[in-house]
N, C-alpha and C. Protein backbone atom coordinates (compact mmCIF):
# COMPACT_ATOMS: atom_id res chain seq x y z
N MET A 1 11.52 -9.51 -1.51
CA MET A 1 11.21 -7.38 -1.19
C MET A 1 9.66 -7.30 -1.03
N VAL A 2 9.10 -7.74 -2.52
CA VAL A 2 7.58 -7.29 -2.36
C VAL A 2 6.84 -8.13 -0.71
N GLU A 3 7.69 -8.93 -0.57
CA GLU A 3 6.59 -10.20 0.42
C GLU A 3 6.54 -8.94 2.00
N GLY A 4 7.92 -8.60 1.91
CA GLY A 4 7.37 -7.77 3.14
C GLY A 4 7.32 -6.69 3.00
N GLN A 5 6.86 -5.62 2.01
CA GLN A 5 6.04 -4.67 1.96
C GLN A 5 4.76 -5.15 2.08
N ILE A 6 4.40 -6.22 1.35
CA ILE A 6 3.09 -7.07 1.89
C ILE A 6 2.39 -7.00 3.07
N GLN A 7 4.07 -7.92 4.02
CA GLN A 7 3.42 -8.31 5.54
C GLN A 7 3.30 -6.74 6.12
N TRP A 8 4.32 -5.41 5.65
CA TRP A 8 3.91 -4.22 5.96
C TRP A 8 2.65 -3.39 6.29
N ILE A 9 1.93 -3.51 5.08
CA ILE A 9 0.86 -3.13 4.97
C ILE A 9 -0.12 -3.88 5.55
N LEU A 10 -0.41 -4.90 6.00
CA LEU A 10 -0.92 -5.71 6.55
C LEU A 10 -0.76 -5.87 8.09
N SER A 11 0.13 -5.42 8.09
CA SER A 11 0.46 -4.58 9.68
C SER A 11 -0.60 -4.03 9.97
N TYR A 12 -0.99 -3.19 9.32
CA TYR A 12 -2.06 -2.11 9.37
C TYR A 12 -3.04 -2.60 9.25
N MET A 13 -3.77 -3.39 8.83
CA MET A 13 -4.73 -3.59 8.52
C MET A 13 -5.67 -4.98 10.05
N GLN A 14 -6.69 -4.54 10.66
CA GLN A 14 -7.04 -5.23 11.39
C GLN A 14 -8.72 -5.09 11.84
N GLY A 15 -9.19 -5.95 12.41
CA GLY A 15 -10.93 -6.00 12.76
C GLY A 15 -11.55 -6.72 11.85
N GLY A 16 -12.45 -7.12 12.11
CA GLY A 16 -13.47 -7.94 11.19
C GLY A 16 -12.94 -8.98 10.11
N SER A 17 -13.86 -8.40 8.83
CA SER A 17 -12.97 -9.39 8.41
C SER A 17 -11.72 -9.34 7.93
N ALA A 18 -11.41 -8.16 7.60
CA ALA A 18 -9.73 -7.92 8.00
C ALA A 18 -8.93 -8.67 8.10
N ASP A 19 -9.12 -9.13 9.32
CA ASP A 19 -8.43 -10.18 9.91
C ASP A 19 -8.43 -11.33 9.44
N ILE A 20 -9.33 -12.04 9.00
CA ILE A 20 -9.86 -13.01 8.05
C ILE A 20 -8.78 -13.12 6.36
N TRP A 21 -8.99 -12.20 6.30
CA TRP A 21 -8.01 -12.21 4.89
C TRP A 21 -7.34 -11.86 5.38
N LYS A 22 -6.57 -11.20 6.29
CA LYS A 22 -5.30 -10.91 6.61
C LYS A 22 -4.50 -11.93 6.68
N GLU A 23 -4.69 -13.09 7.51
CA GLU A 23 -4.47 -13.99 7.56
C GLU A 23 -4.31 -15.22 6.71
N ASN A 24 -5.06 -15.22 5.82
CA ASN A 24 -5.26 -16.09 4.60
C ASN A 24 -4.01 -15.49 3.87
N VAL A 25 -4.03 -14.34 3.49
CA VAL A 25 -2.60 -13.50 2.67
C VAL A 25 -1.59 -14.03 3.18
N LEU A 26 -1.31 -14.16 4.91
CA LEU A 26 0.09 -14.21 5.14
C LEU A 26 0.10 -15.45 5.36
N GLU A 27 -0.73 -16.58 5.25
CA GLU A 27 -0.54 -18.24 5.03
C GLU A 27 0.38 -18.21 3.86
N ASP A 28 -0.56 -17.25 2.42
CA ASP A 28 -0.08 -17.76 1.17
C ASP A 28 1.41 -17.26 1.39
N LEU A 29 2.01 -16.35 1.90
CA LEU A 29 2.92 -15.72 2.03
C LEU A 29 3.83 -16.99 2.66
N GLU A 30 3.37 -17.58 3.51
CA GLU A 30 4.68 -19.00 4.73
C GLU A 30 4.73 -19.57 3.49
N VAL A 31 3.84 -20.21 2.40
CA VAL A 31 3.88 -21.47 1.56
C VAL A 31 4.98 -21.02 0.45
N GLY A 32 5.07 -19.56 -0.12
CA GLY A 32 6.22 -18.95 -1.03
C GLY A 32 4.87 -18.68 -2.14
N LYS A 33 3.59 -18.20 -1.67
CA LYS A 33 2.48 -18.44 -2.49
C LYS A 33 2.50 -16.45 -2.70
N VAL A 34 3.06 -15.80 -3.90
CA VAL A 34 2.77 -14.76 -3.69
C VAL A 34 2.13 -14.30 -4.82
N GLU A 35 0.89 -13.94 -4.99
CA GLU A 35 0.62 -13.32 -6.21
C GLU A 35 0.54 -12.06 -6.92
N TYR A 36 1.65 -11.45 -6.45
CA TYR A 36 1.78 -9.53 -6.34
C TYR A 36 2.86 -9.77 -6.42
N GLU A 37 3.38 -8.94 -7.72
CA GLU A 37 4.59 -8.36 -8.30
C GLU A 37 5.29 -7.29 -7.62
N LEU A 38 4.67 -6.40 -7.08
CA LEU A 38 4.18 -5.09 -6.88
C LEU A 38 3.86 -4.88 -5.58
N ALA A 39 4.02 -3.88 -4.54
CA ALA A 39 3.28 -3.60 -3.77
C ALA A 39 1.73 -2.67 -4.22
N GLY A 40 2.17 -2.21 -5.03
CA GLY A 40 0.89 -1.54 -5.68
C GLY A 40 0.00 -2.75 -6.07
N GLU A 41 0.32 -3.68 -6.66
CA GLU A 41 -1.01 -4.49 -7.28
C GLU A 41 -1.64 -4.88 -5.94
N PHE A 42 -0.83 -5.17 -4.85
CA PHE A 42 -1.08 -5.98 -3.72
C PHE A 42 -2.51 -4.46 -3.01
N LEU A 43 -1.92 -3.40 -3.29
CA LEU A 43 -2.98 -2.17 -2.36
C LEU A 43 -4.25 -2.58 -3.83
N THR A 44 -3.83 -2.29 -4.63
CA THR A 44 -5.39 -2.16 -5.61
C THR A 44 -6.36 -3.31 -5.20
N GLN A 45 -5.16 -4.68 -5.04
CA GLN A 45 -6.23 -5.78 -4.06
C GLN A 45 -7.18 -5.45 -3.29
N ILE A 46 -6.55 -4.56 -2.04
CA ILE A 46 -7.10 -4.43 -1.11
C ILE A 46 -8.30 -3.24 -1.40
N LYS A 47 -8.35 -2.53 -2.20
CA LYS A 47 -9.21 -1.52 -2.78
C LYS A 47 -10.66 -2.34 -3.03
N LYS A 48 -9.98 -3.53 -4.05
CA LYS A 48 -11.67 -4.40 -4.25
C LYS A 48 -11.67 -4.97 -3.44
N GLU A 49 -11.34 -5.41 -2.09
CA GLU A 49 -11.71 -6.11 -1.37
C GLU A 49 -12.59 -5.99 -0.15
N PHE A 50 -12.28 -3.95 -0.07
CA PHE A 50 -12.42 -3.43 1.39
C PHE A 50 -13.37 -2.47 0.22
N GLY A 51 -13.23 -2.12 -0.23
CA GLY A 51 -14.11 -0.52 -0.82
C GLY A 51 -13.31 0.49 -0.72
N GLY A 52 -11.86 0.48 -0.93
CA GLY A 52 -10.93 1.51 -1.29
C GLY A 52 -10.56 1.70 0.43
N GLY A 53 -10.97 1.29 1.34
CA GLY A 53 -10.12 1.56 2.50
C GLY A 53 -10.29 3.18 3.27
N ASP A 54 -9.78 3.25 4.15
CA ASP A 54 -9.55 4.26 4.62
C ASP A 54 -8.15 4.75 3.54
N GLU A 55 -8.95 5.88 3.30
CA GLU A 55 -8.21 6.79 1.77
C GLU A 55 -7.16 7.15 2.26
N GLU A 56 -6.88 7.98 3.71
CA GLU A 56 -5.81 8.25 4.16
C GLU A 56 -4.79 7.54 4.23
N LEU A 57 -4.81 6.28 4.93
CA LEU A 57 -3.91 5.56 5.15
C LEU A 57 -3.36 5.06 3.86
N MET A 58 -4.19 4.79 2.68
CA MET A 58 -3.72 4.14 1.47
C MET A 58 -2.72 5.87 0.95
N LYS A 59 -2.68 6.74 0.92
CA LYS A 59 -1.93 7.98 0.95
C LYS A 59 -0.74 7.97 1.46
N VAL A 60 -0.57 7.75 2.25
CA VAL A 60 0.06 7.58 3.54
C VAL A 60 0.73 6.45 3.35
N ILE A 61 0.37 5.39 3.04
CA ILE A 61 1.54 4.25 2.17
C ILE A 61 2.03 4.61 0.97
N GLU A 62 1.30 5.26 -0.10
CA GLU A 62 2.31 5.49 -1.10
C GLU A 62 2.98 6.98 -0.99
N LEU A 63 2.98 7.95 -0.22
CA LEU A 63 3.92 8.72 0.04
C LEU A 63 5.56 8.15 0.70
N LYS A 64 5.09 7.13 1.36
CA LYS A 64 6.14 6.32 1.89
C LYS A 64 7.17 5.24 0.55
N ARG A 65 6.64 4.97 -0.19
CA ARG A 65 7.25 3.95 -1.50
C ARG A 65 7.14 4.99 -2.28
N ILE A 66 6.99 6.46 -2.53
CA ILE A 66 6.99 7.39 -3.65
C ILE A 66 8.82 7.46 -4.23
N LYS A 67 9.35 7.15 -5.27
CA LYS A 67 10.38 7.95 -5.55
C LYS A 67 10.67 8.36 -6.95
N GLN A 68 11.88 8.88 -6.75
CA GLN A 68 11.88 9.76 -8.03
C GLN A 68 12.00 9.39 -9.48
N GLY A 69 13.18 8.43 -9.08
CA GLY A 69 13.44 7.52 -10.17
C GLY A 69 14.11 8.26 -11.42
N SER A 70 13.56 8.19 -12.54
CA SER A 70 14.62 8.78 -13.88
C SER A 70 13.37 10.01 -14.12
N ARG A 71 12.27 10.11 -13.23
CA ARG A 71 11.70 11.93 -13.64
C ARG A 71 12.74 12.58 -13.16
N THR A 72 12.33 14.02 -13.59
CA THR A 72 12.33 15.32 -13.13
C THR A 72 12.50 15.53 -12.04
N MET A 73 13.04 16.58 -11.15
CA MET A 73 12.48 16.59 -9.92
C MET A 73 11.28 17.63 -9.77
N LYS A 74 11.19 18.51 -10.85
CA LYS A 74 9.77 19.21 -10.71
C LYS A 74 9.28 18.16 -11.32
N GLU A 75 8.78 17.28 -11.78
CA GLU A 75 7.81 15.71 -12.39
C GLU A 75 7.92 15.38 -10.75
N PHE A 76 8.61 14.85 -10.23
CA PHE A 76 8.69 14.31 -8.72
C PHE A 76 7.80 15.04 -7.80
N VAL A 77 8.12 16.20 -7.78
CA VAL A 77 7.52 17.37 -6.75
C VAL A 77 5.97 17.20 -7.03
N GLN A 78 5.78 17.07 -8.47
CA GLN A 78 4.21 17.09 -8.24
C GLN A 78 3.68 15.88 -8.10
N ASP A 79 4.24 15.18 -8.31
CA ASP A 79 3.74 13.80 -8.07
C ASP A 79 3.47 13.32 -6.41
N PHE A 80 4.57 14.05 -6.17
CA PHE A 80 4.55 13.87 -4.02
C PHE A 80 3.81 14.57 -3.67
N LYS A 81 3.53 15.99 -4.10
CA LYS A 81 2.26 17.03 -4.05
C LYS A 81 0.82 16.41 -4.28
N ARG A 82 0.45 15.30 -5.72
CA ARG A 82 -0.82 15.14 -5.56
C ARG A 82 -1.33 13.82 -4.56
N VAL A 83 0.12 13.33 -4.33
CA VAL A 83 -0.03 11.97 -3.10
C VAL A 83 -0.25 12.58 -2.14
N ALA A 84 0.60 13.64 -1.34
CA ALA A 84 0.28 14.30 -0.13
C ALA A 84 -0.68 14.83 0.53
N ARG A 85 -1.71 14.84 -1.17
CA ARG A 85 -3.21 15.53 -0.59
C ARG A 85 -4.03 14.66 -0.17
N GLY A 86 -4.46 15.04 1.10
CA GLY A 86 -5.50 14.00 1.89
C GLY A 86 -4.66 13.10 2.64
N SER A 87 -3.85 13.49 2.76
CA SER A 87 -2.70 12.18 3.75
C SER A 87 -2.84 12.70 5.02
N SER A 88 -3.52 13.65 5.55
CA SER A 88 -2.94 14.56 6.52
C SER A 88 -1.64 14.62 6.90
N TYR A 89 -0.61 14.50 6.27
CA TYR A 89 0.79 15.34 6.52
C TYR A 89 0.58 16.96 6.45
N LYS A 90 1.13 17.55 7.37
CA LYS A 90 1.19 19.12 7.24
C LYS A 90 2.52 19.50 6.98
N ARG A 91 2.96 20.51 6.52
CA ARG A 91 3.91 21.28 6.18
C ARG A 91 5.09 21.33 7.13
């Protein structure tokens, strides 16, 4: 499951050193070498590698994966609003 999420995230990476880094990660995935248990860990690694990347893109990715889980609706809505700020999504 995390492999598919990583591949989806990588599909947005392009250009320069990102292409080389992306190819290395894809090669690791092909041989079953996955260093990440969660997509969030992978996003953290991207931030370390590329200095935070496009903040708007990171917010959009986080919005697409956010789930209510065991939180109350009020807690979930507050978290959603926090993530939505800066994502370029409009009401």
